[in-house]
Amino acid sequence: MLQMDGMGLIDQRMIATVLLRRINEERMLHEKGDEDSDLDFPVFILLEEGHRFAPADGEARSRGILSTILSEGRKFGIGVGIISQRPSKIDDDVLSQCKSQVIMEIQNPNDQDAVKRGVEDVGEDLLSELPGLTPGQAVIAGDTVNTPFMADIRARTTSHGAESLDATEEWSKAWQQRNSEPEGRRDADDEEGIQNRDIPLD
């Protein structure tokens, strides 16, 4: 796993472009019989926040190679999974080339429209269910199944690592910690109303 969330967007796209091109070249060499290829096995790539690498505005160098791999990579043993909570921000050409889909809850109308454009097999009845899906429910469609259907995704067995912070719990912890700390000691002479006994009174 290559974690790039600490990098700027331009750097993320540059690294993705270089890696995708190298993988594509090495797999092509191997399938053409070149024994010097560094990749003698199929590769499956998962891209989290996929709209960063294939944005709808097309302004990313990684979009071109990603589109090429999606359209031609299968015959060279390259698979790509694109993960995004904002399908409307993904390039239409790239989205349409994703031949299998696992679609979870989508509230935004623009994202719903993007899914309708990119997923031809899913009927209106299933698409109308997208805003009301609960966590763990998904519509599965595309080349991997005979017909689109709704499924319950089992709970993951690995640690998540990217869950949102429970703000209420964090506030409660911070409040309890602050209230449990001693306020600190003050000298008796600092107390309000106490006079300095070293100064003679008139």
N, C-alpha and C. Protein backbone atom coordinates (compact mmCIF):
# COMPACT_ATOMS: atom_id res chain seq x y z
N MET A 1 0.85 -1.19 0.00
CA MET A 1 0.00 0.00 0.00
C MET A 1 0.89 1.25 0.00
N LEU A 2 0.57 2.16 -0.86
CA LEU A 2 1.29 3.44 -0.94
C LEU A 2 0.38 4.54 -0.44
N GLN A 3 0.71 5.10 0.70
CA GLN A 3 -0.12 6.14 1.30
C GLN A 3 0.44 7.51 0.95
N MET A 4 -0.38 8.31 0.25
CA MET A 4 0.11 9.59 -0.25
C MET A 4 -0.68 10.77 0.29
N ASP A 5 -1.48 10.55 1.34
CA ASP A 5 -2.34 11.63 1.80
C ASP A 5 -1.57 12.80 2.40
N GLY A 6 -0.30 12.60 2.72
CA GLY A 6 0.50 13.70 3.24
C GLY A 6 1.15 14.55 2.15
N MET A 7 0.92 14.17 0.90
CA MET A 7 1.52 14.90 -0.23
C MET A 7 0.50 15.84 -0.87
N GLY A 8 0.99 16.79 -1.61
CA GLY A 8 0.12 17.67 -2.38
C GLY A 8 -0.49 16.93 -3.55
N LEU A 9 -1.57 17.47 -4.09
CA LEU A 9 -2.31 16.81 -5.16
C LEU A 9 -1.45 16.60 -6.40
N ILE A 10 -0.64 17.58 -6.77
CA ILE A 10 0.21 17.46 -7.96
C ILE A 10 1.21 16.32 -7.79
N ASP A 11 1.80 16.22 -6.60
CA ASP A 11 2.76 15.14 -6.33
C ASP A 11 2.07 13.78 -6.37
N GLN A 12 0.86 13.70 -5.80
CA GLN A 12 0.12 12.44 -5.83
C GLN A 12 -0.13 11.99 -7.27
N ARG A 13 -0.56 12.93 -8.10
CA ARG A 13 -0.83 12.59 -9.50
C ARG A 13 0.44 12.19 -10.25
N MET A 14 1.54 12.86 -9.96
CA MET A 14 2.80 12.54 -10.63
C MET A 14 3.25 11.12 -10.28
N ILE A 15 3.20 10.78 -8.99
CA ILE A 15 3.62 9.44 -8.57
C ILE A 15 2.70 8.38 -9.17
N ALA A 16 1.40 8.64 -9.16
CA ALA A 16 0.45 7.69 -9.74
C ALA A 16 0.72 7.50 -11.23
N THR A 17 1.00 8.58 -11.93
CA THR A 17 1.28 8.50 -13.37
C THR A 17 2.49 7.64 -13.65
N VAL A 18 3.57 7.87 -12.91
CA VAL A 18 4.82 7.11 -13.11
C VAL A 18 4.58 5.63 -12.82
N LEU A 19 3.93 5.33 -11.71
CA LEU A 19 3.71 3.93 -11.33
C LEU A 19 2.80 3.22 -12.34
N LEU A 20 1.71 3.88 -12.73
CA LEU A 20 0.78 3.26 -13.67
C LEU A 20 1.45 3.00 -15.02
N ARG A 21 2.24 3.96 -15.49
CA ARG A 21 2.94 3.77 -16.76
C ARG A 21 3.94 2.63 -16.68
N ARG A 22 4.67 2.57 -15.58
CA ARG A 22 5.69 1.51 -15.42
C ARG A 22 5.01 0.14 -15.34
N ILE A 23 3.94 0.05 -14.59
CA ILE A 23 3.22 -1.23 -14.48
C ILE A 23 2.69 -1.66 -15.84
N ASN A 24 2.11 -0.71 -16.56
CA ASN A 24 1.56 -1.02 -17.88
C ASN A 24 2.66 -1.49 -18.84
N GLU A 25 3.78 -0.79 -18.84
CA GLU A 25 4.89 -1.15 -19.73
C GLU A 25 5.44 -2.54 -19.40
N GLU A 26 5.64 -2.81 -18.10
CA GLU A 26 6.22 -4.09 -17.70
C GLU A 26 5.28 -5.26 -18.00
N ARG A 27 3.98 -5.05 -17.80
CA ARG A 27 3.03 -6.13 -18.10
C ARG A 27 2.93 -6.36 -19.61
N MET A 28 3.01 -5.31 -20.39
CA MET A 28 3.00 -5.46 -21.85
C MET A 28 4.22 -6.25 -22.31
N LEU A 29 5.39 -5.92 -21.75
CA LEU A 29 6.62 -6.63 -22.10
C LEU A 29 6.50 -8.11 -21.77
N HIS A 30 5.98 -8.40 -20.58
CA HIS A 30 5.86 -9.80 -20.17
C HIS A 30 4.93 -10.57 -21.10
N GLU A 31 3.78 -9.99 -21.42
CA GLU A 31 2.82 -10.68 -22.28
C GLU A 31 3.34 -10.84 -23.70
N LYS A 32 4.31 -10.02 -24.09
CA LYS A 32 4.91 -10.15 -25.42
C LYS A 32 6.12 -11.08 -25.42
N GLY A 33 6.38 -11.71 -24.25
CA GLY A 33 7.43 -12.71 -24.17
C GLY A 33 8.78 -12.20 -23.74
N ASP A 34 8.88 -10.97 -23.29
CA ASP A 34 10.15 -10.42 -22.84
C ASP A 34 10.47 -10.96 -21.45
N GLU A 35 11.55 -11.74 -21.34
CA GLU A 35 11.91 -12.36 -20.07
C GLU A 35 12.51 -11.37 -19.09
N ASP A 36 12.85 -10.18 -19.55
CA ASP A 36 13.43 -9.17 -18.66
C ASP A 36 12.37 -8.36 -17.91
N SER A 37 11.11 -8.65 -18.15
CA SER A 37 10.04 -7.90 -17.47
C SER A 37 10.11 -8.13 -15.97
N ASP A 38 9.90 -7.05 -15.21
CA ASP A 38 9.91 -7.15 -13.75
C ASP A 38 8.57 -7.61 -13.18
N LEU A 39 7.56 -7.71 -14.02
CA LEU A 39 6.23 -8.11 -13.55
C LEU A 39 5.76 -9.33 -14.33
N ASP A 40 6.06 -10.51 -13.78
CA ASP A 40 5.66 -11.74 -14.45
C ASP A 40 4.38 -12.31 -13.83
N PHE A 41 3.58 -11.44 -13.22
CA PHE A 41 2.31 -11.86 -12.60
C PHE A 41 1.29 -10.75 -12.80
N PRO A 42 0.00 -11.09 -12.83
CA PRO A 42 -1.05 -10.06 -12.98
C PRO A 42 -1.06 -9.10 -11.80
N VAL A 43 -1.56 -7.91 -12.05
CA VAL A 43 -1.57 -6.85 -11.03
C VAL A 43 -2.98 -6.28 -10.91
N PHE A 44 -3.40 -6.06 -9.67
CA PHE A 44 -4.68 -5.37 -9.45
C PHE A 44 -4.40 -4.14 -8.60
N ILE A 45 -4.85 -2.99 -9.08
CA ILE A 45 -4.56 -1.70 -8.44
C ILE A 45 -5.86 -1.12 -7.89
N LEU A 46 -5.82 -0.69 -6.64
CA LEU A 46 -6.96 0.02 -6.05
C LEU A 46 -6.56 1.47 -5.83
N LEU A 47 -7.37 2.38 -6.36
CA LEU A 47 -7.11 3.81 -6.21
C LEU A 47 -8.17 4.44 -5.32
N GLU A 48 -7.78 4.76 -4.11
CA GLU A 48 -8.69 5.47 -3.19
C GLU A 48 -8.76 6.93 -3.62
N GLU A 49 -9.92 7.56 -3.41
CA GLU A 49 -10.14 8.93 -3.85
C GLU A 49 -9.83 9.06 -5.35
N GLY A 50 -10.45 8.17 -6.13
CA GLY A 50 -10.14 8.07 -7.55
C GLY A 50 -10.37 9.34 -8.35
N HIS A 51 -11.27 10.22 -7.86
CA HIS A 51 -11.52 11.47 -8.59
C HIS A 51 -10.29 12.38 -8.60
N ARG A 52 -9.33 12.13 -7.73
CA ARG A 52 -8.11 12.93 -7.75
C ARG A 52 -7.25 12.60 -8.97
N PHE A 53 -7.31 11.34 -9.41
CA PHE A 53 -6.41 10.87 -10.47
C PHE A 53 -7.08 10.86 -11.85
N ALA A 54 -8.40 10.95 -11.88
CA ALA A 54 -9.11 11.03 -13.17
C ALA A 54 -10.25 12.03 -13.01
N PRO A 55 -9.93 13.30 -12.80
CA PRO A 55 -10.97 14.29 -12.53
C PRO A 55 -11.80 14.59 -13.77
N ALA A 56 -13.03 15.01 -13.53
CA ALA A 56 -13.95 15.31 -14.63
C ALA A 56 -13.44 16.45 -15.50
N ASP A 57 -12.66 17.36 -14.93
CA ASP A 57 -12.14 18.48 -15.74
C ASP A 57 -10.94 18.07 -16.60
N GLY A 58 -10.47 16.84 -16.42
CA GLY A 58 -9.38 16.32 -17.25
C GLY A 58 -8.01 16.85 -16.94
N GLU A 59 -7.89 17.70 -15.93
CA GLU A 59 -6.62 18.35 -15.64
C GLU A 59 -5.77 17.51 -14.69
N ALA A 60 -5.38 16.33 -15.17
CA ALA A 60 -4.48 15.47 -14.40
C ALA A 60 -3.73 14.58 -15.37
N ARG A 61 -2.41 14.55 -15.24
CA ARG A 61 -1.60 13.72 -16.15
C ARG A 61 -1.92 12.25 -15.96
N SER A 62 -2.35 11.87 -14.78
CA SER A 62 -2.64 10.47 -14.50
C SER A 62 -3.90 9.99 -15.21
N ARG A 63 -4.77 10.89 -15.64
CA ARG A 63 -6.03 10.48 -16.25
C ARG A 63 -5.80 9.70 -17.54
N GLY A 64 -4.83 10.13 -18.35
CA GLY A 64 -4.58 9.49 -19.64
C GLY A 64 -4.16 8.04 -19.50
N ILE A 65 -3.16 7.77 -18.66
CA ILE A 65 -2.69 6.40 -18.50
C ILE A 65 -3.73 5.54 -17.79
N LEU A 66 -4.48 6.15 -16.90
CA LEU A 66 -5.54 5.41 -16.22
C LEU A 66 -6.62 4.98 -17.21
N SER A 67 -6.98 5.87 -18.11
CA SER A 67 -7.97 5.54 -19.14
C SER A 67 -7.44 4.44 -20.06
N THR A 68 -6.16 4.51 -20.40
CA THR A 68 -5.55 3.49 -21.26
C THR A 68 -5.59 2.12 -20.59
N ILE A 69 -5.22 2.06 -19.32
CA ILE A 69 -5.22 0.78 -18.61
C ILE A 69 -6.63 0.22 -18.48
N LEU A 70 -7.60 1.08 -18.21
CA LEU A 70 -8.97 0.61 -18.07
C LEU A 70 -9.51 0.04 -19.37
N SER A 71 -9.08 0.60 -20.50
CA SER A 71 -9.60 0.14 -21.79
C SER A 71 -8.80 -1.02 -22.37
N GLU A 72 -7.49 -1.10 -22.04
CA GLU A 72 -6.63 -2.10 -22.68
C GLU A 72 -5.92 -3.01 -21.69
N GLY A 73 -5.91 -2.64 -20.43
CA GLY A 73 -5.06 -3.35 -19.46
C GLY A 73 -5.46 -4.78 -19.16
N ARG A 74 -6.74 -5.11 -19.33
CA ARG A 74 -7.18 -6.45 -18.95
C ARG A 74 -6.46 -7.54 -19.75
N LYS A 75 -6.18 -7.27 -21.01
CA LYS A 75 -5.51 -8.29 -21.83
C LYS A 75 -4.05 -8.45 -21.43
N PHE A 76 -3.52 -7.50 -20.67
CA PHE A 76 -2.15 -7.61 -20.18
C PHE A 76 -2.10 -8.01 -18.70
N GLY A 77 -3.26 -8.32 -18.14
CA GLY A 77 -3.29 -8.75 -16.75
C GLY A 77 -3.23 -7.62 -15.74
N ILE A 78 -3.84 -6.49 -16.08
CA ILE A 78 -3.89 -5.35 -15.14
C ILE A 78 -5.35 -5.04 -14.85
N GLY A 79 -5.69 -5.04 -13.58
CA GLY A 79 -7.02 -4.65 -13.16
C GLY A 79 -6.94 -3.39 -12.31
N VAL A 80 -7.96 -2.56 -12.40
CA VAL A 80 -7.99 -1.32 -11.62
C VAL A 80 -9.34 -1.17 -10.94
N GLY A 81 -9.32 -0.87 -9.66
CA GLY A 81 -10.53 -0.53 -8.92
C GLY A 81 -10.45 0.92 -8.50
N ILE A 82 -11.49 1.68 -8.82
CA ILE A 82 -11.52 3.10 -8.47
C ILE A 82 -12.54 3.31 -7.36
N ILE A 83 -12.09 3.89 -6.26
CA ILE A 83 -12.95 4.13 -5.11
C ILE A 83 -13.15 5.63 -4.95
N SER A 84 -14.39 6.05 -4.82
CA SER A 84 -14.66 7.48 -4.66
C SER A 84 -16.05 7.67 -4.06
N GLN A 85 -16.17 8.66 -3.20
CA GLN A 85 -17.47 9.05 -2.68
C GLN A 85 -18.14 10.09 -3.57
N ARG A 86 -17.42 10.57 -4.59
CA ARG A 86 -17.95 11.60 -5.48
C ARG A 86 -17.81 11.18 -6.93
N PRO A 87 -18.62 10.23 -7.41
CA PRO A 87 -18.51 9.79 -8.81
C PRO A 87 -18.72 10.89 -9.83
N SER A 88 -19.44 11.97 -9.47
CA SER A 88 -19.65 13.06 -10.42
C SER A 88 -18.36 13.81 -10.71
N LYS A 89 -17.35 13.64 -9.87
CA LYS A 89 -16.07 14.32 -10.08
C LYS A 89 -15.08 13.46 -10.86
N ILE A 90 -15.51 12.26 -11.26
CA ILE A 90 -14.64 11.38 -12.04
C ILE A 90 -14.93 11.58 -13.53
N ASP A 91 -13.89 11.54 -14.32
CA ASP A 91 -14.02 11.68 -15.78
C ASP A 91 -15.03 10.66 -16.31
N ASP A 92 -15.98 11.11 -17.15
CA ASP A 92 -17.03 10.24 -17.67
C ASP A 92 -16.48 9.04 -18.42
N ASP A 93 -15.42 9.26 -19.20
CA ASP A 93 -14.83 8.16 -19.98
C ASP A 93 -14.25 7.10 -19.06
N VAL A 94 -13.56 7.54 -18.01
CA VAL A 94 -12.97 6.61 -17.05
C VAL A 94 -14.07 5.86 -16.30
N LEU A 95 -15.09 6.59 -15.87
CA LEU A 95 -16.17 5.97 -15.11
C LEU A 95 -16.91 4.93 -15.95
N SER A 96 -17.12 5.23 -17.22
CA SER A 96 -17.86 4.31 -18.09
C SER A 96 -17.06 3.04 -18.39
N GLN A 97 -15.74 3.10 -18.24
CA GLN A 97 -14.91 1.93 -18.50
C GLN A 97 -14.76 1.01 -17.29
N CYS A 98 -15.31 1.43 -16.15
CA CYS A 98 -15.34 0.55 -14.98
C CYS A 98 -16.49 -0.43 -15.20
N LYS A 99 -16.16 -1.66 -15.54
CA LYS A 99 -17.17 -2.61 -16.00
C LYS A 99 -17.93 -3.31 -14.89
N SER A 100 -17.48 -3.18 -13.66
CA SER A 100 -18.21 -3.74 -12.51
C SER A 100 -18.28 -2.66 -11.44
N GLN A 101 -19.42 -2.60 -10.76
CA GLN A 101 -19.63 -1.53 -9.79
C GLN A 101 -20.19 -2.08 -8.48
N VAL A 102 -19.70 -1.53 -7.39
CA VAL A 102 -20.29 -1.74 -6.07
C VAL A 102 -20.70 -0.35 -5.60
N ILE A 103 -22.01 -0.08 -5.60
CA ILE A 103 -22.51 1.27 -5.37
C ILE A 103 -23.18 1.32 -4.01
N MET A 104 -22.67 2.18 -3.16
CA MET A 104 -23.25 2.33 -1.82
C MET A 104 -24.07 3.62 -1.76
N GLU A 105 -24.45 4.02 -0.57
CA GLU A 105 -25.37 5.15 -0.41
C GLU A 105 -24.85 6.40 -1.13
N ILE A 106 -25.71 7.01 -1.93
CA ILE A 106 -25.38 8.25 -2.63
C ILE A 106 -26.53 9.22 -2.45
N GLN A 107 -26.26 10.34 -1.80
CA GLN A 107 -27.29 11.34 -1.53
C GLN A 107 -27.28 12.46 -2.57
N ASN A 108 -26.09 12.84 -3.03
CA ASN A 108 -25.96 13.99 -3.92
C ASN A 108 -26.57 13.70 -5.29
N PRO A 109 -27.48 14.54 -5.77
CA PRO A 109 -28.12 14.31 -7.08
C PRO A 109 -27.13 14.25 -8.24
N ASN A 110 -26.07 15.07 -8.19
CA ASN A 110 -25.06 15.05 -9.24
C ASN A 110 -24.34 13.71 -9.30
N ASP A 111 -24.05 13.15 -8.12
CA ASP A 111 -23.39 11.85 -8.06
C ASP A 111 -24.33 10.75 -8.53
N GLN A 112 -25.61 10.87 -8.21
CA GLN A 112 -26.59 9.89 -8.68
C GLN A 112 -26.67 9.91 -10.21
N ASP A 113 -26.66 11.11 -10.79
CA ASP A 113 -26.71 11.23 -12.25
C ASP A 113 -25.46 10.62 -12.90
N ALA A 114 -24.31 10.83 -12.25
CA ALA A 114 -23.06 10.27 -12.79
C ALA A 114 -23.11 8.75 -12.81
N VAL A 115 -23.68 8.17 -11.77
CA VAL A 115 -23.82 6.72 -11.71
C VAL A 115 -24.77 6.24 -12.80
N LYS A 116 -25.87 6.95 -13.00
CA LYS A 116 -26.83 6.57 -14.06
C LYS A 116 -26.18 6.59 -15.44
N ARG A 117 -25.32 7.59 -15.67
CA ARG A 117 -24.65 7.69 -16.96
C ARG A 117 -23.60 6.59 -17.15
N GLY A 118 -22.92 6.27 -16.07
CA GLY A 118 -21.80 5.33 -16.17
C GLY A 118 -22.17 3.87 -16.02
N VAL A 119 -23.34 3.60 -15.44
CA VAL A 119 -23.74 2.22 -15.18
C VAL A 119 -25.01 1.93 -15.96
N GLU A 120 -24.87 1.32 -17.11
CA GLU A 120 -26.02 1.12 -17.99
C GLU A 120 -26.93 0.00 -17.52
N ASP A 121 -26.38 -0.99 -16.83
CA ASP A 121 -27.15 -2.18 -16.50
C ASP A 121 -28.12 -1.99 -15.34
N VAL A 122 -27.89 -0.96 -14.53
CA VAL A 122 -28.71 -0.79 -13.33
C VAL A 122 -30.01 -0.10 -13.69
N GLY A 123 -31.12 -0.70 -13.31
CA GLY A 123 -32.42 -0.12 -13.62
C GLY A 123 -32.78 1.02 -12.69
N GLU A 124 -33.83 1.76 -13.07
CA GLU A 124 -34.27 2.91 -12.29
C GLU A 124 -34.69 2.51 -10.88
N ASP A 125 -35.28 1.31 -10.76
CA ASP A 125 -35.76 0.87 -9.45
C ASP A 125 -34.63 0.77 -8.44
N LEU A 126 -33.51 0.15 -8.87
CA LEU A 126 -32.37 0.02 -7.96
C LEU A 126 -31.70 1.36 -7.72
N LEU A 127 -31.58 2.18 -8.77
CA LEU A 127 -30.94 3.48 -8.61
C LEU A 127 -31.73 4.38 -7.66
N SER A 128 -33.03 4.22 -7.67
CA SER A 128 -33.86 5.04 -6.77
C SER A 128 -33.64 4.68 -5.31
N GLU A 129 -33.05 3.51 -5.06
CA GLU A 129 -32.79 3.08 -3.68
C GLU A 129 -31.50 3.67 -3.11
N LEU A 130 -30.65 4.24 -3.96
CA LEU A 130 -29.33 4.66 -3.51
C LEU A 130 -29.35 5.65 -2.34
N PRO A 131 -30.23 6.66 -2.34
CA PRO A 131 -30.20 7.60 -1.21
C PRO A 131 -30.59 6.96 0.12
N GLY A 132 -31.33 5.87 0.08
CA GLY A 132 -31.82 5.27 1.33
C GLY A 132 -31.04 4.07 1.81
N LEU A 133 -29.93 3.74 1.14
CA LEU A 133 -29.14 2.59 1.56
C LEU A 133 -28.52 2.86 2.94
N THR A 134 -28.49 1.83 3.75
CA THR A 134 -27.88 1.95 5.08
C THR A 134 -26.43 1.49 5.00
N PRO A 135 -25.60 1.84 6.01
CA PRO A 135 -24.20 1.40 5.99
C PRO A 135 -24.11 -0.12 5.83
N GLY A 136 -23.30 -0.55 4.86
CA GLY A 136 -23.14 -1.97 4.60
C GLY A 136 -23.97 -2.48 3.45
N GLN A 137 -24.97 -1.72 3.02
CA GLN A 137 -25.77 -2.13 1.87
C GLN A 137 -25.16 -1.57 0.59
N ALA A 138 -25.27 -2.34 -0.49
CA ALA A 138 -24.70 -1.90 -1.77
C ALA A 138 -25.47 -2.53 -2.92
N VAL A 139 -25.48 -1.82 -4.04
CA VAL A 139 -25.99 -2.37 -5.29
C VAL A 139 -24.78 -2.85 -6.08
N ILE A 140 -24.80 -4.11 -6.51
CA ILE A 140 -23.69 -4.69 -7.27
C ILE A 140 -24.16 -4.91 -8.70
N ALA A 141 -23.38 -4.41 -9.64
CA ALA A 141 -23.78 -4.49 -11.05
C ALA A 141 -22.55 -4.63 -11.93
N GLY A 142 -22.79 -4.94 -13.20
CA GLY A 142 -21.70 -4.99 -14.17
C GLY A 142 -21.37 -6.40 -14.62
N ASP A 143 -20.17 -6.55 -15.17
CA ASP A 143 -19.76 -7.80 -15.78
C ASP A 143 -19.60 -8.95 -14.79
N THR A 144 -19.45 -8.65 -13.52
CA THR A 144 -19.21 -9.71 -12.54
C THR A 144 -20.49 -10.45 -12.15
N VAL A 145 -21.65 -9.91 -12.47
CA VAL A 145 -22.91 -10.55 -12.08
C VAL A 145 -23.84 -10.63 -13.29
N ASN A 146 -24.75 -11.60 -13.25
CA ASN A 146 -25.70 -11.76 -14.35
C ASN A 146 -26.72 -10.64 -14.40
N THR A 147 -27.14 -10.21 -13.22
CA THR A 147 -28.12 -9.13 -13.13
C THR A 147 -27.83 -8.30 -11.89
N PRO A 148 -28.03 -6.99 -11.92
CA PRO A 148 -27.77 -6.16 -10.73
C PRO A 148 -28.64 -6.60 -9.55
N PHE A 149 -28.07 -6.50 -8.36
CA PHE A 149 -28.83 -6.87 -7.16
C PHE A 149 -28.31 -6.09 -5.96
N MET A 150 -29.12 -6.06 -4.90
CA MET A 150 -28.72 -5.39 -3.68
C MET A 150 -28.13 -6.42 -2.71
N ALA A 151 -27.07 -6.05 -2.04
CA ALA A 151 -26.39 -6.99 -1.15
C ALA A 151 -26.02 -6.31 0.16
N ASP A 152 -25.84 -7.11 1.18
CA ASP A 152 -25.31 -6.64 2.46
C ASP A 152 -23.84 -7.03 2.53
N ILE A 153 -22.98 -6.04 2.69
CA ILE A 153 -21.54 -6.28 2.77
C ILE A 153 -21.18 -6.63 4.20
N ARG A 154 -20.46 -7.74 4.38
CA ARG A 154 -20.10 -8.16 5.73
C ARG A 154 -19.16 -7.15 6.38
N ALA A 155 -19.12 -7.18 7.69
CA ALA A 155 -18.21 -6.29 8.43
C ALA A 155 -16.77 -6.66 8.12
N ARG A 156 -15.92 -5.67 7.98
CA ARG A 156 -14.52 -5.91 7.68
C ARG A 156 -13.82 -6.57 8.86
N THR A 157 -12.82 -7.39 8.57
CA THR A 157 -12.08 -8.06 9.63
C THR A 157 -10.74 -7.38 9.90
N THR A 158 -10.34 -6.46 9.05
CA THR A 158 -9.09 -5.73 9.25
C THR A 158 -9.39 -4.35 9.85
N SER A 159 -8.35 -3.73 10.40
CA SER A 159 -8.54 -2.40 10.96
C SER A 159 -8.79 -1.41 9.84
N HIS A 160 -9.58 -0.38 10.12
CA HIS A 160 -9.99 0.56 9.08
C HIS A 160 -8.87 1.54 8.76
N GLY A 161 -8.47 2.31 9.75
CA GLY A 161 -7.36 3.23 9.55
C GLY A 161 -7.75 4.57 8.96
N ALA A 162 -9.00 4.71 8.51
CA ALA A 162 -9.40 5.98 7.89
C ALA A 162 -10.79 6.40 8.33
N GLU A 163 -11.21 5.89 9.48
CA GLU A 163 -12.53 6.26 9.97
C GLU A 163 -12.55 7.71 10.45
N SER A 164 -13.72 8.32 10.39
CA SER A 164 -13.86 9.69 10.88
C SER A 164 -13.76 9.69 12.41
N LEU A 165 -13.20 10.76 12.92
CA LEU A 165 -13.12 10.89 14.38
C LEU A 165 -14.51 11.01 14.98
N ASP A 166 -14.71 10.41 16.14
CA ASP A 166 -15.94 10.58 16.88
C ASP A 166 -15.80 11.89 17.66
N ALA A 167 -16.29 12.99 17.07
CA ALA A 167 -16.07 14.31 17.64
C ALA A 167 -16.66 14.41 19.05
N THR A 168 -17.86 13.87 19.24
CA THR A 168 -18.50 13.94 20.55
C THR A 168 -17.65 13.27 21.62
N GLU A 169 -17.11 12.10 21.30
CA GLU A 169 -16.27 11.39 22.26
C GLU A 169 -14.98 12.16 22.54
N GLU A 170 -14.39 12.75 21.49
CA GLU A 170 -13.15 13.51 21.68
C GLU A 170 -13.39 14.75 22.54
N TRP A 171 -14.53 15.43 22.31
CA TRP A 171 -14.87 16.59 23.14
C TRP A 171 -15.05 16.17 24.60
N SER A 172 -15.72 15.05 24.81
CA SER A 172 -15.97 14.58 26.17
C SER A 172 -14.66 14.25 26.88
N LYS A 173 -13.73 13.60 26.17
CA LYS A 173 -12.43 13.27 26.76
C LYS A 173 -11.67 14.54 27.14
N ALA A 174 -11.67 15.52 26.22
CA ALA A 174 -10.95 16.77 26.48
C ALA A 174 -11.56 17.51 27.66
N TRP A 175 -12.89 17.52 27.75
CA TRP A 175 -13.58 18.19 28.85
C TRP A 175 -13.24 17.54 30.19
N GLN A 176 -13.28 16.21 30.22
CA GLN A 176 -12.98 15.48 31.45
C GLN A 176 -11.54 15.69 31.88
N GLN A 177 -10.63 15.71 30.92
CA GLN A 177 -9.22 15.88 31.24
C GLN A 177 -8.97 17.27 31.82
N ARG A 178 -9.59 18.27 31.22
CA ARG A 178 -9.39 19.64 31.72
C ARG A 178 -9.98 19.82 33.11
N ASN A 179 -11.13 19.21 33.35
CA ASN A 179 -11.77 19.36 34.66
C ASN A 179 -11.11 18.54 35.75
N SER A 180 -10.33 17.52 35.36
CA SER A 180 -9.66 16.69 36.37
C SER A 180 -8.29 17.24 36.75
N GLU A 181 -7.77 18.17 35.94
CA GLU A 181 -6.47 18.75 36.25
C GLU A 181 -6.60 19.75 37.39
N PRO A 182 -5.65 19.74 38.36
CA PRO A 182 -5.69 20.74 39.45
C PRO A 182 -5.52 22.14 38.88
N GLU A 183 -6.19 23.08 39.50
CA GLU A 183 -6.13 24.45 39.00
C GLU A 183 -4.79 25.12 39.30
N GLY A 184 -3.97 24.46 40.14
CA GLY A 184 -2.67 25.04 40.47
C GLY A 184 -2.72 25.75 41.82
N ARG A 185 -1.57 25.89 42.43
CA ARG A 185 -1.48 26.54 43.74
C ARG A 185 -1.18 28.02 43.57
N ARG A 186 -1.77 28.81 44.46
CA ARG A 186 -1.47 30.24 44.48
C ARG A 186 -0.98 30.60 45.87
N ASP A 187 -0.01 31.50 45.92
CA ASP A 187 0.50 31.95 47.22
C ASP A 187 -0.60 32.67 47.97
N ALA A 188 -0.53 32.55 49.30
CA ALA A 188 -1.56 33.18 50.13
C ALA A 188 -1.60 34.68 49.91
N ASP A 189 -0.42 35.27 49.66
CA ASP A 189 -0.38 36.72 49.48
C ASP A 189 -1.02 37.16 48.17
N ASP A 190 -1.22 36.18 47.25
CA ASP A 190 -1.84 36.52 45.97
C ASP A 190 -3.35 36.51 46.05
N GLU A 191 -3.89 36.00 47.15
CA GLU A 191 -5.34 35.94 47.28
C GLU A 191 -5.91 37.35 47.34
N GLU A 192 -7.05 37.53 46.72
CA GLU A 192 -7.70 38.84 46.71
C GLU A 192 -8.09 39.23 48.14
N GLY A 193 -7.76 40.44 48.54
CA GLY A 193 -8.14 40.93 49.86
C GLY A 193 -7.06 40.76 50.90
N ILE A 194 -5.97 40.05 50.56
CA ILE A 194 -4.89 39.85 51.53
C ILE A 194 -3.86 40.96 51.32
N GLN A 195 -3.50 41.64 52.40
CA GLN A 195 -2.54 42.72 52.31
C GLN A 195 -1.14 42.20 52.61
N ASN A 196 -0.15 42.86 52.04
CA ASN A 196 1.24 42.51 52.30
C ASN A 196 1.58 42.95 53.71
N ARG A 197 1.96 41.97 54.59
CA ARG A 197 2.20 42.29 56.00
C ARG A 197 3.53 43.00 56.20
N ASP A 198 4.38 43.03 55.18
CA ASP A 198 5.66 43.72 55.31
C ASP A 198 5.53 45.22 55.14
N ILE A 199 4.36 45.68 54.70
CA ILE A 199 4.18 47.12 54.51
C ILE A 199 3.41 47.65 55.74
N PRO A 200 4.00 48.59 56.42
CA PRO A 200 3.32 49.12 57.63
C PRO A 200 2.03 49.83 57.24
N LEU A 201 1.05 49.67 58.13
CA LEU A 201 -0.24 50.32 57.92
C LEU A 201 -0.21 51.71 58.50
N ASP A 202 -0.91 52.59 57.89
CA ASP A 202 -1.01 53.96 58.41
C ASP A 202 -1.98 54.00 59.58
